[in-house]
Amino acid sequence: MGLFSFIKNAGAKVFGIGKTDAEESAEAAAAELKLEEAAAKKLEETITDLQLQVEDLNVFIDDDAATISGKAYDQATKEKVVLVVGNSNGIATVDDQMTVEHVEPEAQFHTVVSGDTLGKIAKNYYGNAMKYPVIFEANKPMLTDPDKIYPGQVLRIPALD
């Protein structure tokens, strides 16, 4: 008879029980897609719950990247939506494809590091630590307390009027 070679993981499991690696891989991919779709819908709900005005909002997640589209009411809303999505667990990049109804200047962004406070950040950007309420207000409703920021969080730093 002799020795026959087979691809180790290509066939069905013994006695038809179980699935091939290809079938398991396809099912895993489908499950991953369902999780990403559910996460995207949850982010859309969160953005709506935060009363951020975006027409035709669509969030699409692929692995650790999110793409956002829609028409934001203003630049601040657009930036807040990007922060809601980007500051979510599992999201590493955000592709912002939103348009803006009422155009205004873009804000700067700051990634919080250990030891940061809103006062320290305000001192760095505005030269005055007492301007921290400007940063706090610019990041509402995502921030509910000026003392509750965390390393890795990204904040909007608007220009002073």
C-alpha atoms as a PDB file:
ATOM      1  CA  MET A   1       0.000   0.000   0.000  1.00  0.00           C
ATOM      2  CA  GLY A   2       2.463   2.683   1.059  1.00  0.00           C
ATOM      3  CA  LEU A   3       2.422   6.036   2.732  1.00  0.00           C
ATOM      4  CA  PHE A   4      -0.114   8.678   1.716  1.00  0.00           C
ATOM      5  CA  SER A   5       0.245  12.391   2.471  1.00  0.00           C
ATOM      6  CA  PHE A   6      -2.650  14.647   3.391  1.00  0.00           C
ATOM      7  CA  ILE A   7      -2.972  18.295   4.373  1.00  0.00           C
ATOM      8  CA  LYS A   8      -3.241  17.941   8.124  1.00  0.00           C
ATOM      9  CA  ASN A   9      -6.044  20.416   8.853  1.00  0.00           C
ATOM     10  CA  ALA A  10      -7.913  20.546   5.536  1.00  0.00           C
ATOM     11  CA  GLY A  11     -10.509  17.806   6.005  1.00  0.00           C
ATOM     12  CA  ALA A  12     -13.504  17.263   8.215  1.00  0.00           C
ATOM     13  CA  LYS A  13     -12.963  15.879  11.680  1.00  0.00           C
ATOM     14  CA  VAL A  14     -13.191  12.130  12.279  1.00  0.00           C
ATOM     15  CA  PHE A  15     -16.631  10.628  11.602  1.00  0.00           C
ATOM     16  CA  GLY A  16     -17.965  13.958  10.348  1.00  0.00           C
ATOM     17  CA  ILE A  17     -17.944  15.438  13.829  1.00  0.00           C
ATOM     18  CA  GLY A  18     -16.593  18.937  13.978  1.00  0.00           C
ATOM     19  CA  LYS A  19     -15.550  21.322  11.254  1.00  0.00           C
ATOM     20  CA  THR A  20     -12.573  21.845   9.004  1.00  0.00           C
ATOM     21  CA  ASP A  21     -10.127  24.621   9.855  1.00  0.00           C
ATOM     22  CA  ALA A  22     -11.500  26.558   6.890  1.00  0.00           C
ATOM     23  CA  GLU A  23     -15.045  26.260   8.253  1.00  0.00           C
ATOM     24  CA  GLU A  24     -13.934  27.242  11.755  1.00  0.00           C
ATOM     25  CA  SER A  25     -11.998  30.186  10.343  1.00  0.00           C
ATOM     26  CA  ALA A  26     -15.017  31.345   8.327  1.00  0.00           C
ATOM     27  CA  GLU A  27     -17.252  31.063  11.392  1.00  0.00           C
ATOM     28  CA  ALA A  28     -14.737  32.977  13.511  1.00  0.00           C
ATOM     29  CA  ALA A  29     -14.580  35.722  10.874  1.00  0.00           C
ATOM     30  CA  ALA A  30     -18.385  35.914  10.780  1.00  0.00           C
ATOM     31  CA  ALA A  31     -18.528  36.104  14.582  1.00  0.00           C
ATOM     32  CA  GLU A  32     -15.874  38.860  14.566  1.00  0.00           C
ATOM     33  CA  LEU A  33     -17.888  40.794  11.980  1.00  0.00           C
ATOM     34  CA  LYS A  34     -21.025  40.496  14.127  1.00  0.00           C
ATOM     35  CA  LEU A  35     -19.107  41.808  17.161  1.00  0.00           C
ATOM     36  CA  GLU A  36     -17.730  44.732  15.131  1.00  0.00           C
ATOM     37  CA  GLU A  37     -21.219  45.553  13.799  1.00  0.00           C
ATOM     38  CA  ALA A  38     -22.642  45.428  17.336  1.00  0.00           C
ATOM     39  CA  ALA A  39     -19.836  47.667  18.640  1.00  0.00           C
ATOM     40  CA  ALA A  40     -20.423  50.153  15.802  1.00  0.00           C
ATOM     41  CA  LYS A  41     -24.161  50.270  16.566  1.00  0.00           C
ATOM     42  CA  LYS A  42     -23.427  50.765  20.265  1.00  0.00           C
ATOM     43  CA  LEU A  43     -21.117  53.686  19.441  1.00  0.00           C
ATOM     44  CA  GLU A  44     -23.818  55.208  17.226  1.00  0.00           C
ATOM     45  CA  GLU A  45     -26.302  54.875  20.123  1.00  0.00           C
ATOM     46  CA  THR A  46     -23.812  56.446  22.540  1.00  0.00           C
ATOM     47  CA  ILE A  47     -23.252  59.402  20.204  1.00  0.00           C
ATOM     48  CA  THR A  48     -27.027  59.879  19.939  1.00  0.00           C
ATOM     49  CA  ASP A  49     -27.456  59.525  23.731  1.00  0.00           C
ATOM     50  CA  LEU A  50     -24.802  62.230  24.218  1.00  0.00           C
ATOM     51  CA  GLN A  51     -26.981  64.471  22.010  1.00  0.00           C
ATOM     52  CA  LEU A  52     -24.215  65.034  19.483  1.00  0.00           C
ATOM     53  CA  GLN A  53     -26.010  66.170  16.335  1.00  0.00           C
ATOM     54  CA  VAL A  54     -24.882  64.173  13.288  1.00  0.00           C
ATOM     55  CA  GLU A  55     -27.146  63.514  10.309  1.00  0.00           C
ATOM     56  CA  ASP A  56     -26.817  60.110   8.648  1.00  0.00           C
ATOM     57  CA  LEU A  57     -24.271  58.956  11.231  1.00  0.00           C
ATOM     58  CA  ASN A  58     -22.481  55.760  10.306  1.00  0.00           C
ATOM     59  CA  VAL A  59     -19.739  54.068  12.301  1.00  0.00           C
ATOM     60  CA  PHE A  60     -17.916  51.165  10.681  1.00  0.00           C
ATOM     61  CA  ILE A  61     -15.373  49.086  12.610  1.00  0.00           C
ATOM     62  CA  ASP A  62     -12.783  46.836  11.023  1.00  0.00           C
ATOM     63  CA  ASP A  63     -10.451  45.197  13.539  1.00  0.00           C
ATOM     64  CA  ASP A  64      -9.067  48.110  15.602  1.00  0.00           C
ATOM     65  CA  ALA A  65      -9.926  50.852  13.080  1.00  0.00           C
ATOM     66  CA  ALA A  66     -13.148  52.851  12.941  1.00  0.00           C
ATOM     67  CA  THR A  67     -14.507  54.938  10.084  1.00  0.00           C
ATOM     68  CA  ILE A  68     -17.087  57.634  10.812  1.00  0.00           C
ATOM     69  CA  SER A  69     -19.287  59.356   8.260  1.00  0.00           C
ATOM     70  CA  GLY A  70     -22.217  61.730   8.426  1.00  0.00           C
ATOM     71  CA  LYS A  71     -22.850  65.455   8.644  1.00  0.00           C
ATOM     72  CA  ALA A  72     -21.998  67.038  12.002  1.00  0.00           C
ATOM     73  CA  TYR A  73     -23.769  70.197  13.127  1.00  0.00           C
ATOM     74  CA  ASP A  74     -20.458  71.985  13.802  1.00  0.00           C
ATOM     75  CA  GLN A  75     -16.708  71.394  14.148  1.00  0.00           C
ATOM     76  CA  ALA A  76     -16.943  70.859  17.916  1.00  0.00           C
ATOM     77  CA  THR A  77     -19.559  68.131  17.432  1.00  0.00           C
ATOM     78  CA  LYS A  78     -17.421  66.469  14.777  1.00  0.00           C
ATOM     79  CA  GLU A  79     -14.384  66.448  17.068  1.00  0.00           C
ATOM     80  CA  LYS A  80     -16.406  65.128  20.007  1.00  0.00           C
ATOM     81  CA  VAL A  81     -17.727  62.258  17.881  1.00  0.00           C
ATOM     82  CA  VAL A  82     -14.157  61.379  16.881  1.00  0.00           C
ATOM     83  CA  LEU A  83     -13.178  61.399  20.568  1.00  0.00           C
ATOM     84  CA  VAL A  84     -16.136  59.235  21.633  1.00  0.00           C
ATOM     85  CA  VAL A  85     -15.162  56.625  19.072  1.00  0.00           C
ATOM     86  CA  GLY A  86     -11.384  56.926  19.471  1.00  0.00           C
ATOM     87  CA  ASN A  87     -11.477  56.806  23.279  1.00  0.00           C
ATOM     88  CA  SER A  88     -13.383  53.502  23.118  1.00  0.00           C
ATOM     89  CA  ASN A  89     -11.680  50.281  24.144  1.00  0.00           C
ATOM     90  CA  GLY A  90     -10.309  48.378  21.169  1.00  0.00           C
ATOM     91  CA  ILE A  91     -10.151  51.347  18.759  1.00  0.00           C
ATOM     92  CA  ALA A  92      -6.635  52.379  17.702  1.00  0.00           C
ATOM     93  CA  THR A  93      -7.418  54.643  14.733  1.00  0.00           C
ATOM     94  CA  VAL A  94     -10.355  56.706  13.541  1.00  0.00           C
ATOM     95  CA  ASP A  95     -10.859  57.662   9.907  1.00  0.00           C
ATOM     96  CA  ASP A  96     -12.963  60.822  10.104  1.00  0.00           C
ATOM     97  CA  GLN A  97     -14.980  61.212   6.912  1.00  0.00           C
ATOM     98  CA  MET A  98     -17.641  63.486   8.394  1.00  0.00           C
ATOM     99  CA  THR A  99     -18.644  66.809   6.890  1.00  0.00           C
ATOM    100  CA  VAL A 100     -19.587  69.883   8.927  1.00  0.00           C
ATOM    101  CA  GLU A 101     -22.687  72.035   8.505  1.00  0.00           C
ATOM    102  CA  HIS A 102     -21.338  75.096  10.402  1.00  0.00           C
ATOM    103  CA  VAL A 103     -17.594  75.408   9.808  1.00  0.00           C
ATOM    104  CA  GLU A 104     -15.364  76.758  12.592  1.00  0.00           C
ATOM    105  CA  PRO A 105     -11.656  76.471  13.462  1.00  0.00           C
ATOM    106  CA  GLU A 106     -10.333  73.031  14.400  1.00  0.00           C
ATOM    107  CA  ALA A 107      -9.250  72.334  17.971  1.00  0.00           C
ATOM    108  CA  GLN A 108      -5.947  70.807  19.012  1.00  0.00           C
ATOM    109  CA  PHE A 109      -5.872  67.403  20.654  1.00  0.00           C
ATOM    110  CA  HIS A 110      -3.968  66.320  23.747  1.00  0.00           C
ATOM    111  CA  THR A 111      -3.288  62.766  24.885  1.00  0.00           C
ATOM    112  CA  VAL A 112      -3.384  62.592  28.675  1.00  0.00           C
ATOM    113  CA  VAL A 113      -0.254  61.232  30.363  1.00  0.00           C
ATOM    114  CA  SER A 114       0.237  60.121  33.945  1.00  0.00           C
ATOM    115  CA  GLY A 115       0.292  63.146  36.225  1.00  0.00           C
ATOM    116  CA  ASP A 116      -1.771  65.368  33.923  1.00  0.00           C
ATOM    117  CA  THR A 117      -4.581  67.490  35.303  1.00  0.00           C
ATOM    118  CA  LEU A 118      -6.853  69.798  33.372  1.00  0.00           C
ATOM    119  CA  GLY A 119      -5.088  72.715  35.089  1.00  0.00           C
ATOM    120  CA  LYS A 120      -1.672  71.469  34.003  1.00  0.00           C
ATOM    121  CA  ILE A 121      -2.930  70.960  30.448  1.00  0.00           C
ATOM    122  CA  ALA A 122      -4.496  74.458  30.436  1.00  0.00           C
ATOM    123  CA  LYS A 123      -1.211  75.941  31.649  1.00  0.00           C
ATOM    124  CA  ASN A 124       0.600  74.178  28.801  1.00  0.00           C
ATOM    125  CA  TYR A 125      -1.796  75.286  26.033  1.00  0.00           C
ATOM    126  CA  TYR A 126      -3.115  78.611  27.344  1.00  0.00           C
ATOM    127  CA  GLY A 127      -0.393  79.755  29.759  1.00  0.00           C
ATOM    128  CA  ASN A 128      -2.953  79.848  32.575  1.00  0.00           C
ATOM    129  CA  ALA A 129      -3.958  76.860  34.716  1.00  0.00           C
ATOM    130  CA  MET A 130      -7.208  78.599  35.680  1.00  0.00           C
ATOM    131  CA  LYS A 131      -8.438  78.183  32.093  1.00  0.00           C
ATOM    132  CA  TYR A 132      -9.058  74.467  32.783  1.00  0.00           C
ATOM    133  CA  PRO A 133     -12.877  74.967  32.637  1.00  0.00           C
ATOM    134  CA  VAL A 134     -12.493  75.786  28.913  1.00  0.00           C
ATOM    135  CA  ILE A 135     -11.031  72.322  28.327  1.00  0.00           C
ATOM    136  CA  PHE A 136     -13.598  70.695  30.609  1.00  0.00           C
ATOM    137  CA  GLU A 137     -16.507  72.360  28.765  1.00  0.00           C
ATOM    138  CA  ALA A 138     -15.002  71.484  25.379  1.00  0.00           C
ATOM    139  CA  ASN A 139     -15.010  67.801  26.331  1.00  0.00           C
ATOM    140  CA  LYS A 140     -18.520  67.600  27.759  1.00  0.00           C
ATOM    141  CA  PRO A 141     -20.538  65.385  27.773  1.00  0.00           C
ATOM    142  CA  MET A 142     -17.712  62.806  27.604  1.00  0.00           C
ATOM    143  CA  LEU A 143     -16.171  64.328  30.747  1.00  0.00           C
ATOM    144  CA  THR A 144     -18.473  64.529  33.729  1.00  0.00           C
ATOM    145  CA  ASP A 145     -15.892  65.666  36.298  1.00  0.00           C
ATOM    146  CA  PRO A 146     -12.736  67.744  35.741  1.00  0.00           C
ATOM    147  CA  ASP A 147     -10.819  65.415  38.053  1.00  0.00           C
ATOM    148  CA  LYS A 148     -11.695  62.249  36.108  1.00  0.00           C
ATOM    149  CA  ILE A 149      -9.243  62.055  33.235  1.00  0.00           C
ATOM    150  CA  TYR A 150      -6.996  59.070  32.577  1.00  0.00           C
ATOM    151  CA  PRO A 151      -3.715  58.358  30.793  1.00  0.00           C
ATOM    152  CA  GLY A 152      -4.234  57.580  27.127  1.00  0.00           C
ATOM    153  CA  GLN A 153      -7.458  59.586  26.913  1.00  0.00           C
ATOM    154  CA  VAL A 154      -7.508  62.162  24.121  1.00  0.00           C
ATOM    155  CA  LEU A 155      -9.006  65.595  24.873  1.00  0.00           C
ATOM    156  CA  ARG A 156     -10.095  68.521  22.683  1.00  0.00           C
ATOM    157  CA  ILE A 157      -8.191  71.728  23.317  1.00  0.00           C
ATOM    158  CA  PRO A 158     -10.152  74.541  21.618  1.00  0.00           C
ATOM    159  CA  ALA A 159      -8.636  77.876  20.711  1.00  0.00           C
ATOM    160  CA  LEU A 160      -9.434  80.671  23.149  1.00  0.00           C
ATOM    161  CA  ASP A 161     -11.875  83.240  21.794  1.00  0.00           C
END
